[in-house]
Amino acid sequence: MSRAPATARLPGLDAARGLAVLAMFAYHFIWDLGYFRYVDPAFPYTPGFKAFGHAIAASFLFVAGAVLVLAHGDGMRWRSFARRLAVLTGAALLVSAGTYAAFPKSWVFFGILHCIAAASLLALPFLRASWPAPLAAALAAAAAPMVLSSPVFDAPWLQWVGLSTVAPLTNDYRPLLPWSGALLLGVAAARLRRASAPRARPARAPAGFRGASVLGFLGRHSLALYLLHQPAFFALLYGAALVLPPSAPDGTADFVAACATRCGAAGGAADFCRASCLCTAQEAARRLLENSADEAERARRLDEAARDCAARARRRP
């Protein structure tokens, strides 16, 4: 089979990645609205919204796996692979440095870009293998945290693996396990497509679809857009907050911030801490408004609210 030019684009995959970019814009903009309190700050931590974020991350990883096969399935282009890996690694380090400067207590040490780079190396043995091999590897990666988690991996320098028993305090956490499974699944899908239709042309966006060129543009520049969109959103909303401030705080935000800081210092995960603390603030306001002149009874109700909220947060996906 003739080798495709190394510079050839894959229009269908560009469009798919473009859709993921649009979803990412929506997800982060809503998250930022909560951060600036233009919407309920608890909303970004609801199960449905978190599932939306997980789906976006999985789609980026899946497409990255498929692209690896289509770019190297006829023979490794090591120079191209090394260049791509270097760009991803540099971008991941830039994210880590930027988030450390902005959020030193919850900086991103292993987010989606880190995972794509590391999982790409993990996928190398499967790029020319029959599709059952990467599929089995994908399933193993997905199942690993459920059967192999150990306190040994709770050490900060091992948390990128994904086998720790506690989730770290970080704004984006896509550890190698189970998230490399999504990239390996993309490898398996591309290998299956090659096996079933070896002479098929690269996937293209539906004919006549007017948004194809826009999606293609977004897909072709997804890395740059990933790096730039959050600073742009933050600048926009910060400016908006100066002109049109959100509703005046009632003290809840300060309580939640202090509570989340204490929770994180005790080893709690970022999502768990924020969700639990927001719930506690809301429940405390509701329960303490009930008639109770006894201070001990008020303290008991507050402790009960905190325990109930912690249990709810642990049950969230």
Protein backbone atom coordinates (compact mmCIF):
# COMPACT_ATOMS: atom_id res chain seq x y z
CA MET A 1 0.00 0.00 0.00
CA SER A 2 1.36 3.42 -0.88
CA ARG A 3 2.28 5.70 1.95
CA ALA A 4 0.21 8.87 2.36
CA PRO A 5 2.12 12.10 2.39
CA ALA A 6 3.22 13.07 5.86
CA THR A 7 1.57 16.46 5.52
CA ALA A 8 -1.82 15.17 4.36
CA ARG A 9 -4.79 16.36 6.41
CA LEU A 10 -7.62 14.13 7.54
CA PRO A 11 -10.73 16.29 7.04
CA GLY A 12 -13.18 14.06 8.95
CA LEU A 13 -10.94 13.87 11.99
CA ASP A 14 -10.27 17.61 11.82
CA ALA A 15 -14.04 18.18 11.88
CA ALA A 16 -14.49 15.77 14.80
CA ARG A 17 -11.75 17.54 16.72
CA GLY A 18 -13.40 20.87 15.84
CA LEU A 19 -16.64 19.70 17.45
CA ALA A 20 -14.69 18.74 20.55
CA VAL A 21 -13.11 22.22 20.58
CA LEU A 22 -16.56 23.85 20.49
CA ALA A 23 -17.72 21.62 23.35
CA MET A 24 -14.56 22.54 25.27
CA PHE A 25 -15.30 26.25 24.77
CA ALA A 26 -18.80 25.77 26.16
CA TYR A 27 -17.60 23.70 29.11
CA HIS A 28 -14.87 26.10 30.20
CA PHE A 29 -16.97 29.22 29.65
CA ILE A 30 -19.72 27.84 31.90
CA TRP A 31 -17.08 26.81 34.46
CA ASP A 32 -15.68 30.35 34.36
CA LEU A 33 -19.16 31.84 34.80
CA GLY A 34 -19.42 29.80 38.00
CA TYR A 35 -15.95 30.88 39.11
CA PHE A 36 -16.95 34.55 38.72
CA ARG A 37 -20.37 33.77 40.31
CA TYR A 38 -22.47 34.77 37.31
CA VAL A 39 -24.11 31.35 37.64
CA ASP A 40 -24.46 29.03 40.62
CA PRO A 41 -20.86 28.15 41.62
CA ALA A 42 -22.03 24.63 42.43
CA PHE A 43 -23.21 23.94 38.89
CA PRO A 44 -19.78 23.08 37.39
CA TYR A 45 -19.47 20.33 40.01
CA THR A 46 -22.79 18.63 39.32
CA PRO A 47 -22.56 15.03 38.02
CA GLY A 48 -24.03 15.86 34.62
CA PHE A 49 -21.68 18.74 33.94
CA LYS A 50 -18.67 16.74 35.10
CA ALA A 51 -19.73 13.91 32.77
CA PHE A 52 -19.84 16.44 29.93
CA GLY A 53 -16.22 17.38 30.67
CA HIS A 54 -15.16 13.73 30.80
CA ALA A 55 -16.79 13.12 27.40
CA ILE A 56 -14.88 16.05 25.87
CA ALA A 57 -11.55 14.77 27.22
CA ALA A 58 -12.28 11.25 25.99
CA SER A 59 -13.11 12.54 22.49
CA PHE A 60 -9.80 14.40 22.22
CA LEU A 61 -7.89 11.30 23.32
CA PHE A 62 -9.85 9.02 20.97
CA VAL A 63 -9.17 11.25 17.96
CA ALA A 64 -5.48 11.50 18.93
CA GLY A 65 -5.24 7.70 18.89
CA ALA A 66 -6.92 7.42 15.50
CA VAL A 67 -4.63 10.10 14.06
CA LEU A 68 -1.56 8.19 15.26
CA VAL A 69 -2.60 5.12 13.29
CA LEU A 70 -3.49 7.03 10.16
CA ALA A 71 -0.21 8.97 10.29
CA HIS A 72 2.09 6.04 11.10
CA GLY A 73 0.20 2.84 10.33
CA ASP A 74 2.20 2.14 7.15
CA GLY A 75 5.53 2.73 8.86
CA MET A 76 6.75 4.98 11.63
CA ARG A 77 7.80 8.48 10.67
CA TRP A 78 9.99 8.97 13.70
CA ARG A 79 10.94 12.55 12.96
CA SER A 80 7.29 13.57 12.63
CA PHE A 81 6.37 11.65 15.79
CA ALA A 82 9.22 13.22 17.77
CA ARG A 83 8.29 16.70 16.58
CA ARG A 84 4.64 16.19 17.57
CA LEU A 85 5.65 14.76 20.94
CA ALA A 86 7.97 17.70 21.60
CA VAL A 87 5.20 20.21 20.77
CA LEU A 88 2.72 18.40 23.05
CA THR A 89 5.24 18.17 25.87
CA GLY A 90 6.15 21.83 25.56
CA ALA A 91 2.48 22.84 25.57
CA ALA A 92 1.82 20.63 28.61
CA LEU A 93 4.72 22.24 30.48
CA LEU A 94 3.38 25.67 29.54
CA VAL A 95 -0.01 24.73 31.03
CA SER A 96 1.69 23.50 34.20
CA ALA A 97 3.75 26.69 34.53
CA GLY A 98 0.78 28.96 33.83
CA THR A 99 -1.57 27.23 36.25
CA TYR A 100 1.13 27.09 38.92
CA ALA A 101 1.49 30.86 38.65
CA ALA A 102 -2.28 31.43 38.78
CA PHE A 103 -3.38 28.59 41.10
CA PRO A 104 -0.34 27.32 43.02
CA LYS A 105 -2.45 25.06 45.28
CA SER A 106 -4.32 23.38 42.41
CA TRP A 107 -1.96 23.67 39.43
CA VAL A 108 -2.24 21.21 36.55
CA PHE A 109 0.59 18.69 36.81
CA PHE A 110 -1.01 16.02 34.61
CA GLY A 111 -3.90 17.23 32.50
CA ILE A 112 -5.21 16.35 29.05
CA LEU A 113 -2.07 17.43 27.14
CA HIS A 114 0.22 15.53 29.51
CA CYS A 115 -1.97 12.47 29.06
CA ILE A 116 -2.02 12.66 25.25
CA ALA A 117 1.78 12.92 25.18
CA ALA A 118 2.35 10.02 27.60
CA ALA A 119 -0.39 7.83 26.09
CA SER A 120 1.09 8.38 22.61
CA LEU A 121 4.28 6.71 23.81
CA LEU A 122 2.25 3.92 25.38
CA ALA A 123 0.44 3.38 22.07
CA LEU A 124 3.60 2.92 19.97
CA PRO A 125 3.61 -0.92 20.09
CA PHE A 126 -0.01 -1.01 18.90
CA LEU A 127 0.11 1.30 15.87
CA ARG A 128 0.64 -1.58 13.44
CA ALA A 129 -0.87 -4.39 15.53
CA SER A 130 -4.18 -6.08 14.79
CA TRP A 131 -7.09 -4.20 16.35
CA PRO A 132 -7.81 -6.70 19.19
CA ALA A 133 -4.43 -5.89 20.78
CA PRO A 134 -5.03 -2.13 21.29
CA LEU A 135 -8.64 -2.88 22.25
CA ALA A 136 -7.48 -5.25 24.99
CA ALA A 137 -4.93 -2.67 26.13
CA ALA A 138 -7.65 0.01 26.23
CA LEU A 139 -9.90 -2.17 28.38
CA ALA A 140 -7.00 -3.02 30.69
CA ALA A 141 -6.14 0.67 31.11
CA ALA A 142 -9.77 1.51 31.90
CA ALA A 143 -10.03 -1.27 34.49
CA ALA A 144 -6.62 -0.77 36.13
CA PRO A 145 -7.65 1.86 38.72
CA MET A 146 -10.49 -0.39 39.91
CA VAL A 147 -8.24 -3.35 40.65
CA LEU A 148 -4.71 -2.02 41.11
CA SER A 149 -5.13 1.14 43.21
CA SER A 150 -2.74 1.26 46.15
CA PRO A 151 -1.57 3.79 48.78
CA VAL A 152 1.91 3.33 47.28
CA PHE A 153 0.74 5.56 44.40
CA ASP A 154 -0.48 8.31 46.75
CA ALA A 155 3.01 9.83 46.68
CA PRO A 156 2.85 13.13 44.75
CA TRP A 157 5.46 12.00 42.22
CA LEU A 158 3.37 8.91 41.33
CA GLN A 159 -0.10 10.43 41.13
CA TRP A 160 0.21 10.91 37.36
CA VAL A 161 -0.11 7.12 36.98
CA GLY A 162 -3.71 7.13 38.21
CA LEU A 163 -3.54 4.29 40.75
CA SER A 164 -3.59 6.42 43.90
CA THR A 165 -6.34 5.97 46.48
CA VAL A 166 -6.99 9.72 46.79
CA ALA A 167 -7.45 12.23 43.99
CA PRO A 168 -5.04 15.19 44.11
CA LEU A 169 -6.03 18.83 44.37
CA THR A 170 -5.66 20.03 40.77
CA ASN A 171 -7.77 21.89 38.21
CA ASP A 172 -7.38 19.26 35.49
CA TYR A 173 -6.51 15.64 36.24
CA ARG A 174 -6.33 13.08 33.43
CA PRO A 175 -3.93 10.41 34.75
CA LEU A 176 -2.44 7.83 32.44
CA LEU A 177 -4.78 5.22 33.89
CA PRO A 178 -7.61 5.05 32.97
CA TRP A 179 -7.46 7.92 30.45
CA SER A 180 -4.89 6.35 28.11
CA GLY A 181 -7.63 3.81 27.44
CA ALA A 182 -9.52 6.38 25.36
CA LEU A 183 -6.49 6.99 23.13
CA LEU A 184 -5.87 3.25 22.78
CA LEU A 185 -9.52 2.81 21.85
CA GLY A 186 -8.97 5.32 19.04
CA VAL A 187 -5.98 3.25 17.92
CA ALA A 188 -8.14 0.10 17.94
CA ALA A 189 -10.93 1.78 15.96
CA ALA A 190 -8.49 3.04 13.31
CA ARG A 191 -6.79 -0.38 13.05
CA LEU A 192 -10.20 -2.05 12.67
CA ARG A 193 -11.16 0.41 9.93
CA ARG A 194 -7.90 -0.31 8.10
CA ALA A 195 -8.47 -4.05 8.38
CA SER A 196 -12.05 -3.87 7.11
CA ALA A 197 -11.49 -1.25 4.38
CA PRO A 198 -7.76 -1.06 3.60
CA ARG A 199 -8.23 1.18 0.57
CA ALA A 200 -10.80 3.50 2.10
CA ARG A 201 -10.11 7.21 1.83
CA PRO A 202 -9.68 9.30 4.97
CA ALA A 203 -12.97 10.26 6.61
CA ARG A 204 -14.50 13.49 5.43
CA ALA A 205 -17.15 15.76 6.83
CA PRO A 206 -20.66 15.26 5.35
CA ALA A 207 -21.02 16.76 1.89
CA GLY A 208 -22.82 20.07 1.86
CA PHE A 209 -22.29 20.67 5.58
CA ARG A 210 -21.76 24.42 5.77
CA GLY A 211 -19.95 24.29 9.08
CA ALA A 212 -17.34 21.85 7.80
CA SER A 213 -14.79 24.55 7.00
CA VAL A 214 -15.25 26.16 10.43
CA LEU A 215 -14.94 22.82 12.22
CA GLY A 216 -11.94 21.94 10.10
CA PHE A 217 -10.25 25.21 11.04
CA LEU A 218 -10.93 24.61 14.74
CA GLY A 219 -9.63 21.06 14.46
CA ARG A 220 -6.46 22.07 12.64
CA HIS A 221 -5.65 24.65 15.32
CA SER A 222 -6.98 22.79 18.36
CA LEU A 223 -3.73 22.96 20.35
CA ALA A 224 -3.34 26.73 19.97
CA LEU A 225 -7.02 27.24 20.78
CA TYR A 226 -6.68 25.04 23.86
CA LEU A 227 -3.81 27.14 25.15
CA LEU A 228 -5.41 30.51 24.40
CA HIS A 229 -9.11 30.17 25.11
CA GLN A 230 -9.04 30.10 28.92
CA PRO A 231 -6.86 33.21 29.32
CA ALA A 232 -9.19 34.95 26.85
CA PHE A 233 -12.32 33.85 28.75
CA PHE A 234 -10.84 34.91 32.08
CA ALA A 235 -9.86 38.33 30.72
CA LEU A 236 -13.33 38.80 29.22
CA LEU A 237 -15.17 37.86 32.42
CA TYR A 238 -12.78 39.80 34.63
CA GLY A 239 -13.50 42.88 32.54
CA ALA A 240 -17.22 42.14 32.67
CA ALA A 241 -17.05 41.81 36.46
CA LEU A 242 -15.56 45.30 36.69
CA VAL A 243 -18.36 46.80 34.59
CA LEU A 244 -21.25 44.57 35.66
CA PRO A 245 -20.37 42.84 38.94
CA PRO A 246 -22.18 39.64 39.87
CA SER A 247 -24.58 39.64 42.79
CA ALA A 248 -22.99 40.79 46.01
CA PRO A 249 -21.64 37.85 48.01
CA ASP A 250 -23.44 36.80 51.19
CA GLY A 251 -20.38 35.31 52.84
CA THR A 252 -20.92 31.90 51.28
CA ALA A 253 -18.04 32.30 48.82
CA ASP A 254 -15.58 33.10 51.62
CA PHE A 255 -16.77 30.12 53.63
CA VAL A 256 -16.48 27.81 50.65
CA ALA A 257 -12.99 29.08 49.76
CA ALA A 258 -11.72 28.62 53.33
CA CYS A 259 -13.41 25.22 53.62
CA ALA A 260 -11.96 24.00 50.32
CA THR A 261 -8.50 25.16 51.32
CA ARG A 262 -8.66 23.20 54.58
CA CYS A 263 -10.07 20.17 52.78
CA GLY A 264 -7.30 20.29 50.17
CA ALA A 265 -4.62 20.64 52.83
CA ALA A 266 -6.01 17.46 54.41
CA GLY A 267 -5.55 15.58 51.13
CA GLY A 268 -9.01 15.96 49.56
CA ALA A 269 -9.46 16.14 45.80
CA ALA A 270 -10.34 19.53 44.28
CA ASP A 271 -13.75 18.50 42.92
CA PHE A 272 -14.68 16.69 46.14
CA CYS A 273 -13.63 19.63 48.33
CA ARG A 274 -15.51 22.26 46.34
CA ALA A 275 -18.68 20.20 45.95
CA SER A 276 -18.70 19.18 49.62
CA CYS A 277 -18.03 22.71 50.87
CA LEU A 278 -20.69 24.31 48.65
CA CYS A 279 -23.21 21.73 49.80
CA THR A 280 -22.26 22.31 53.44
CA ALA A 281 -22.75 26.07 53.10
CA GLN A 282 -26.17 25.60 51.52
CA GLU A 283 -27.31 22.95 53.99
CA ALA A 284 -26.03 24.92 56.97
CA ALA A 285 -27.99 27.98 55.88
CA ARG A 286 -31.14 25.87 55.53
CA ARG A 287 -30.79 23.86 58.74
CA LEU A 288 -29.61 26.70 60.99
CA LEU A 289 -32.55 28.86 59.96
CA GLU A 290 -34.77 26.33 61.70
CA ASN A 291 -35.64 27.30 65.27
CA SER A 292 -32.73 26.46 67.51
CA ALA A 293 -31.54 28.77 70.25
CA ASP A 294 -29.19 26.18 71.63
CA GLU A 295 -25.58 26.73 70.44
CA ALA A 296 -24.66 23.06 70.93
CA GLU A 297 -27.60 22.06 68.77
CA ARG A 298 -26.52 24.48 66.05
CA ALA A 299 -22.98 23.03 66.11
CA ARG A 300 -24.41 19.52 65.90
CA ARG A 301 -26.52 20.45 62.86
CA LEU A 302 -23.53 22.03 61.12
CA ASP A 303 -21.43 18.91 61.72
CA GLU A 304 -24.27 16.74 60.46
CA ALA A 305 -24.60 18.86 57.31
CA ALA A 306 -20.85 18.58 56.64
CA ARG A 307 -20.91 14.77 57.00
CA ASP A 308 -23.99 14.43 54.78
CA CYS A 309 -22.45 16.64 52.10
CA ALA A 310 -19.15 14.77 52.19
CA ALA A 311 -21.01 11.51 51.65
CA ARG A 312 -22.91 12.97 48.68
CA ALA A 313 -19.72 14.33 47.12
CA ARG A 314 -18.03 10.91 47.38
CA ARG A 315 -20.92 9.29 45.51
CA ARG A 316 -20.57 11.67 42.57
CA PRO A 317 -18.82 10.28 39.43
